């Protein structure tokens, strides 16, 4: 199973980016999809997650600005990021959990830089 993340880049404060992450390979059922991020010198943290039934979780720091969504048919998770701030600068990692085995799969990370 491989996760391929895309959509990162350089954006000015107040701008928007949309991250995508698609899974390929033998992953038959995904229960949880999510995005984590790691800024330089900081621990990795959960940004947002979404369960099969649509239940979502957001870190307090991104509530009202970020929106997570998923396309189960395409095994893809998205993160729409609006009103970006300098403190959102980090490497963003997608993850997906196999509902049968409980194993987590991780993408390679995509850099998001918010700077003027």
N, C-alpha and C. Protein backbone atom coordinates (compact mmCIF):
# COMPACT_ATOMS: atom_id res chain seq x y z
N UNK A 1 0.84 -1.19 0.00
CA UNK A 1 0.00 0.00 0.00
C UNK A 1 0.88 1.24 0.00
N UNK A 2 0.57 2.16 -0.87
CA UNK A 2 1.31 3.42 -0.93
C UNK A 2 0.34 4.59 -0.91
N UNK A 3 0.72 5.62 -0.17
CA UNK A 3 -0.05 6.86 -0.13
C UNK A 3 0.76 7.94 -0.82
N UNK A 4 0.14 8.63 -1.73
CA UNK A 4 0.81 9.69 -2.48
C UNK A 4 0.12 11.01 -2.18
N UNK A 5 0.84 11.89 -1.48
CA UNK A 5 0.29 13.20 -1.13
C UNK A 5 0.76 14.25 -2.13
N UNK A 6 -0.09 15.24 -2.34
CA UNK A 6 0.25 16.32 -3.25
C UNK A 6 -0.50 17.59 -2.85
N UNK A 7 -0.07 18.70 -3.43
CA UNK A 7 -0.79 19.95 -3.20
C UNK A 7 -0.08 20.95 -2.32
N UNK A 8 1.03 20.57 -1.73
CA UNK A 8 1.76 21.51 -0.89
C UNK A 8 2.43 22.59 -1.73
N UNK A 9 2.98 23.58 -1.04
CA UNK A 9 3.67 24.65 -1.74
C UNK A 9 3.85 25.86 -0.87
N UNK A 10 4.20 26.97 -1.53
CA UNK A 10 4.42 28.25 -0.85
C UNK A 10 3.20 29.13 -1.08
N UNK A 11 2.68 29.69 0.00
CA UNK A 11 1.50 30.55 -0.10
C UNK A 11 1.65 31.71 0.87
N UNK A 12 1.06 32.82 0.54
CA UNK A 12 1.11 33.99 1.42
C UNK A 12 0.11 33.84 2.56
N UNK A 13 0.37 34.50 3.67
CA UNK A 13 -0.61 34.47 4.77
C UNK A 13 -1.99 34.91 4.29
N UNK A 14 -3.00 34.18 4.73
CA UNK A 14 -4.36 34.45 4.28
C UNK A 14 -4.76 33.66 3.06
N UNK A 15 -3.81 33.01 2.44
CA UNK A 15 -4.08 32.25 1.24
C UNK A 15 -4.64 30.86 1.53
N UNK A 16 -4.82 30.09 0.45
CA UNK A 16 -5.41 28.76 0.55
C UNK A 16 -4.60 27.73 -0.21
N UNK A 17 -4.68 26.51 0.26
CA UNK A 17 -4.10 25.36 -0.42
C UNK A 17 -5.03 24.17 -0.23
N UNK A 18 -4.98 23.23 -1.18
CA UNK A 18 -5.74 22.00 -1.03
C UNK A 18 -4.80 20.82 -1.18
N UNK A 19 -4.69 20.04 -0.14
CA UNK A 19 -3.87 18.84 -0.16
C UNK A 19 -4.72 17.65 -0.56
N UNK A 20 -4.10 16.73 -1.28
CA UNK A 20 -4.75 15.48 -1.67
C UNK A 20 -3.84 14.32 -1.31
N UNK A 21 -4.44 13.19 -1.02
CA UNK A 21 -3.66 11.99 -0.73
C UNK A 21 -4.43 10.79 -1.23
N UNK A 22 -3.84 10.06 -2.15
CA UNK A 22 -4.50 8.90 -2.75
C UNK A 22 -3.76 7.63 -2.39
N UNK A 23 -4.50 6.59 -2.07
CA UNK A 23 -3.92 5.29 -1.74
C UNK A 23 -3.95 4.38 -2.95
N UNK A 24 -2.90 3.61 -3.10
CA UNK A 24 -2.86 2.61 -4.15
C UNK A 24 -2.37 1.29 -3.55
N UNK A 25 -2.73 0.20 -4.20
CA UNK A 25 -2.34 -1.10 -3.69
C UNK A 25 -3.51 -1.80 -3.05
N UNK A 26 -3.22 -2.85 -2.31
CA UNK A 26 -4.26 -3.71 -1.75
C UNK A 26 -4.74 -3.21 -0.39
N UNK A 27 -5.50 -2.15 -0.42
CA UNK A 27 -6.11 -1.66 0.81
C UNK A 27 -7.62 -1.73 0.60
N UNK A 28 -8.26 -2.71 1.22
CA UNK A 28 -9.63 -3.03 0.87
C UNK A 28 -10.65 -2.15 1.58
N UNK A 29 -10.35 -1.80 2.81
CA UNK A 29 -11.30 -1.01 3.57
C UNK A 29 -10.54 -0.06 4.50
N UNK A 30 -10.89 1.19 4.43
CA UNK A 30 -10.22 2.20 5.24
C UNK A 30 -11.20 2.78 6.24
N UNK A 31 -10.88 2.71 7.51
CA UNK A 31 -11.78 3.24 8.52
C UNK A 31 -11.49 4.70 8.82
N UNK A 32 -10.25 5.04 8.93
CA UNK A 32 -9.87 6.38 9.33
C UNK A 32 -8.89 6.97 8.33
N UNK A 33 -9.13 8.21 7.96
CA UNK A 33 -8.19 8.96 7.13
C UNK A 33 -7.87 10.24 7.87
N UNK A 34 -6.64 10.70 7.72
CA UNK A 34 -6.30 11.91 8.45
C UNK A 34 -5.06 12.60 7.93
N UNK A 35 -4.82 13.77 8.48
CA UNK A 35 -3.64 14.57 8.18
C UNK A 35 -2.95 14.93 9.50
N UNK A 36 -1.65 14.78 9.49
CA UNK A 36 -0.82 15.21 10.58
C UNK A 36 0.19 16.20 10.02
N UNK A 37 0.85 16.92 10.90
CA UNK A 37 1.89 17.83 10.43
C UNK A 37 3.02 17.91 11.45
N UNK A 38 4.19 18.25 10.94
CA UNK A 38 5.35 18.40 11.81
C UNK A 38 6.13 19.62 11.38
N UNK A 39 6.21 20.58 12.29
CA UNK A 39 6.99 21.79 12.04
C UNK A 39 8.41 21.57 12.56
N UNK A 40 9.37 22.32 12.05
CA UNK A 40 10.77 22.17 12.51
C UNK A 40 10.89 22.33 14.01
N UNK A 41 11.53 21.36 14.65
CA UNK A 41 11.75 21.42 16.08
C UNK A 41 10.55 21.06 16.93
N UNK A 42 9.46 20.63 16.30
CA UNK A 42 8.26 20.29 17.03
C UNK A 42 7.86 18.85 16.76
N UNK A 43 7.03 18.31 17.65
CA UNK A 43 6.54 16.95 17.46
C UNK A 43 5.42 16.94 16.41
N UNK A 44 5.24 15.76 15.81
CA UNK A 44 4.15 15.61 14.86
C UNK A 44 2.82 15.71 15.61
N UNK A 45 1.87 16.40 15.00
CA UNK A 45 0.57 16.58 15.63
C UNK A 45 -0.55 16.27 14.64
N UNK A 46 -1.69 15.86 15.21
CA UNK A 46 -2.86 15.61 14.39
C UNK A 46 -3.46 16.95 13.97
N UNK A 47 -3.78 17.06 12.70
CA UNK A 47 -4.43 18.25 12.18
C UNK A 47 -5.93 18.00 12.05
N UNK A 48 -6.29 16.91 11.39
CA UNK A 48 -7.69 16.59 11.16
C UNK A 48 -7.81 15.12 10.80
N UNK A 49 -8.99 14.56 11.08
CA UNK A 49 -9.25 13.17 10.71
C UNK A 49 -10.72 13.01 10.37
N UNK A 50 -11.00 11.95 9.62
CA UNK A 50 -12.38 11.68 9.22
C UNK A 50 -12.61 10.18 9.17
N UNK A 51 -13.69 9.74 9.82
CA UNK A 51 -14.04 8.33 9.84
C UNK A 51 -14.94 7.98 8.68
N UNK A 52 -15.14 6.69 8.47
CA UNK A 52 -15.96 6.22 7.37
C UNK A 52 -17.34 6.84 7.38
N UNK A 53 -17.91 6.95 8.57
CA UNK A 53 -19.26 7.50 8.68
C UNK A 53 -19.35 9.00 8.54
N UNK A 54 -18.19 9.64 8.39
CA UNK A 54 -18.19 11.08 8.19
C UNK A 54 -17.85 11.90 9.42
N UNK A 55 -17.69 11.22 10.57
CA UNK A 55 -17.33 11.96 11.79
C UNK A 55 -15.94 12.58 11.61
N UNK A 56 -15.83 13.85 11.96
CA UNK A 56 -14.56 14.55 11.77
C UNK A 56 -14.01 15.07 13.09
N UNK A 57 -12.70 15.21 13.11
CA UNK A 57 -11.98 15.81 14.24
C UNK A 57 -11.03 16.86 13.68
N UNK A 58 -10.95 17.99 14.38
CA UNK A 58 -10.00 19.03 14.01
C UNK A 58 -9.22 19.50 15.24
N UNK A 59 -7.95 19.74 15.05
CA UNK A 59 -7.18 20.38 16.10
C UNK A 59 -7.73 21.79 16.32
N UNK A 60 -7.67 22.26 17.54
CA UNK A 60 -8.22 23.58 17.85
C UNK A 60 -7.59 24.68 16.99
N UNK A 61 -6.34 24.50 16.67
CA UNK A 61 -5.61 25.53 15.93
C UNK A 61 -6.08 25.70 14.49
N UNK A 62 -6.84 24.72 13.97
CA UNK A 62 -7.27 24.80 12.57
C UNK A 62 -8.78 24.85 12.41
N UNK A 63 -9.51 24.73 13.50
CA UNK A 63 -10.97 24.75 13.43
C UNK A 63 -11.46 26.03 12.77
N UNK A 64 -12.40 25.85 11.85
CA UNK A 64 -12.96 27.00 11.15
C UNK A 64 -12.15 27.45 9.94
N UNK A 65 -10.96 26.89 9.79
CA UNK A 65 -10.10 27.27 8.65
C UNK A 65 -9.83 26.09 7.71
N UNK A 66 -9.71 24.90 8.27
CA UNK A 66 -9.41 23.71 7.48
C UNK A 66 -10.64 22.83 7.40
N UNK A 67 -10.78 22.13 6.27
CA UNK A 67 -11.86 21.17 6.09
C UNK A 67 -11.31 19.88 5.50
N UNK A 68 -11.60 18.78 6.17
CA UNK A 68 -11.16 17.47 5.68
C UNK A 68 -12.34 16.78 5.01
N UNK A 69 -12.06 16.08 3.93
CA UNK A 69 -13.09 15.32 3.23
C UNK A 69 -12.45 14.07 2.63
N UNK A 70 -13.29 13.14 2.22
CA UNK A 70 -12.76 11.90 1.66
C UNK A 70 -13.66 11.42 0.52
N UNK A 71 -13.04 10.70 -0.39
CA UNK A 71 -13.74 10.03 -1.48
C UNK A 71 -13.43 8.55 -1.34
N UNK A 72 -14.36 7.80 -0.79
CA UNK A 72 -14.11 6.39 -0.52
C UNK A 72 -13.89 5.58 -1.80
N UNK A 73 -14.58 5.95 -2.85
CA UNK A 73 -14.45 5.21 -4.11
C UNK A 73 -13.04 5.35 -4.69
N UNK A 74 -12.40 6.47 -4.38
CA UNK A 74 -11.06 6.72 -4.90
C UNK A 74 -9.98 6.52 -3.84
N UNK A 75 -10.39 6.11 -2.62
CA UNK A 75 -9.42 5.97 -1.53
C UNK A 75 -8.55 7.22 -1.41
N UNK A 76 -9.22 8.36 -1.39
CA UNK A 76 -8.52 9.63 -1.37
C UNK A 76 -9.05 10.52 -0.25
N UNK A 77 -8.14 11.22 0.38
CA UNK A 77 -8.51 12.18 1.43
C UNK A 77 -7.98 13.54 1.03
N UNK A 78 -8.75 14.57 1.36
CA UNK A 78 -8.40 15.93 1.00
C UNK A 78 -8.32 16.80 2.26
N UNK A 79 -7.55 17.86 2.18
CA UNK A 79 -7.52 18.86 3.24
C UNK A 79 -7.54 20.23 2.59
N UNK A 80 -8.67 20.91 2.72
CA UNK A 80 -8.78 22.28 2.22
C UNK A 80 -8.34 23.21 3.33
N UNK A 81 -7.33 24.01 3.06
CA UNK A 81 -6.76 24.89 4.07
C UNK A 81 -6.96 26.34 3.63
N UNK A 82 -7.73 27.06 4.39
CA UNK A 82 -8.01 28.47 4.11
C UNK A 82 -7.44 29.35 5.22
N UNK A 83 -7.34 30.62 4.94
CA UNK A 83 -6.84 31.60 5.92
C UNK A 83 -5.55 31.12 6.57
N UNK A 84 -4.64 30.69 5.74
CA UNK A 84 -3.39 30.11 6.25
C UNK A 84 -2.56 31.14 7.00
N UNK A 85 -1.88 30.64 8.04
CA UNK A 85 -1.04 31.47 8.88
C UNK A 85 0.39 30.95 8.83
N UNK A 86 1.32 31.79 9.25
CA UNK A 86 2.72 31.38 9.26
C UNK A 86 2.92 30.14 10.13
N UNK A 87 2.16 30.03 11.19
CA UNK A 87 2.31 28.88 12.09
C UNK A 87 1.77 27.58 11.51
N UNK A 88 1.14 27.65 10.35
CA UNK A 88 0.71 26.42 9.66
C UNK A 88 1.84 25.81 8.85
N UNK A 89 2.96 26.50 8.77
CA UNK A 89 4.11 25.99 8.03
C UNK A 89 4.60 24.70 8.65
N UNK A 90 4.67 23.65 7.84
CA UNK A 90 5.06 22.33 8.33
C UNK A 90 5.08 21.36 7.17
N UNK A 91 5.60 20.18 7.44
CA UNK A 91 5.43 19.07 6.50
C UNK A 91 4.15 18.35 6.89
N UNK A 92 3.27 18.18 5.93
CA UNK A 92 1.97 17.55 6.18
C UNK A 92 2.01 16.10 5.69
N UNK A 93 1.56 15.21 6.56
CA UNK A 93 1.55 13.78 6.27
C UNK A 93 0.11 13.27 6.29
N UNK A 94 -0.24 12.49 5.29
CA UNK A 94 -1.54 11.84 5.32
C UNK A 94 -1.39 10.44 5.89
N UNK A 95 -2.46 9.95 6.46
CA UNK A 95 -2.48 8.60 6.99
C UNK A 95 -3.83 7.96 6.73
N UNK A 96 -3.80 6.64 6.62
CA UNK A 96 -5.03 5.88 6.44
C UNK A 96 -4.92 4.60 7.26
N UNK A 97 -6.03 4.19 7.85
CA UNK A 97 -6.05 3.01 8.71
C UNK A 97 -6.88 1.91 8.05
N UNK A 98 -6.26 0.74 7.95
CA UNK A 98 -6.95 -0.43 7.43
C UNK A 98 -7.95 -0.90 8.48
N UNK A 99 -9.21 -0.97 8.11
CA UNK A 99 -10.25 -1.30 9.09
C UNK A 99 -10.19 -2.76 9.53
N UNK A 100 -9.55 -3.64 8.76
CA UNK A 100 -9.48 -5.05 9.12
C UNK A 100 -8.28 -5.34 10.02
N UNK A 101 -7.15 -4.77 9.68
CA UNK A 101 -5.92 -5.07 10.42
C UNK A 101 -5.57 -4.03 11.47
N UNK A 102 -6.12 -2.83 11.33
CA UNK A 102 -5.76 -1.75 12.23
C UNK A 102 -4.43 -1.11 11.91
N UNK A 103 -3.79 -1.54 10.85
CA UNK A 103 -2.50 -0.97 10.46
C UNK A 103 -2.69 0.43 9.89
N UNK A 104 -1.75 1.30 10.22
CA UNK A 104 -1.75 2.66 9.68
C UNK A 104 -0.73 2.76 8.55
N UNK A 105 -1.13 3.45 7.51
CA UNK A 105 -0.25 3.71 6.38
C UNK A 105 -0.03 5.22 6.29
N UNK A 106 1.19 5.59 5.92
CA UNK A 106 1.56 7.01 5.90
C UNK A 106 2.07 7.43 4.52
N UNK A 107 1.75 8.66 4.15
CA UNK A 107 2.30 9.24 2.95
C UNK A 107 3.69 9.79 3.20
N UNK A 108 4.30 10.27 2.14
CA UNK A 108 5.69 10.70 2.22
C UNK A 108 5.87 12.11 2.76
N UNK A 109 4.77 12.84 2.90
CA UNK A 109 4.85 14.21 3.40
C UNK A 109 4.91 15.22 2.26
N UNK A 110 4.23 16.32 2.46
CA UNK A 110 4.28 17.41 1.49
C UNK A 110 4.48 18.72 2.26
N UNK A 111 5.40 19.54 1.78
CA UNK A 111 5.77 20.76 2.49
C UNK A 111 4.76 21.86 2.22
N UNK A 112 4.30 22.49 3.28
CA UNK A 112 3.46 23.68 3.20
C UNK A 112 4.20 24.82 3.88
N UNK A 113 4.44 25.87 3.15
CA UNK A 113 5.13 27.04 3.69
C UNK A 113 4.26 28.26 3.51
N UNK A 114 3.98 28.93 4.62
CA UNK A 114 3.16 30.14 4.60
C UNK A 114 4.07 31.31 4.95
N UNK A 115 4.32 32.14 3.96
CA UNK A 115 5.26 33.24 4.15
C UNK A 115 4.99 34.34 3.13
N UNK A 116 5.24 35.57 3.55
CA UNK A 116 5.10 36.69 2.64
C UNK A 116 6.44 37.00 1.98
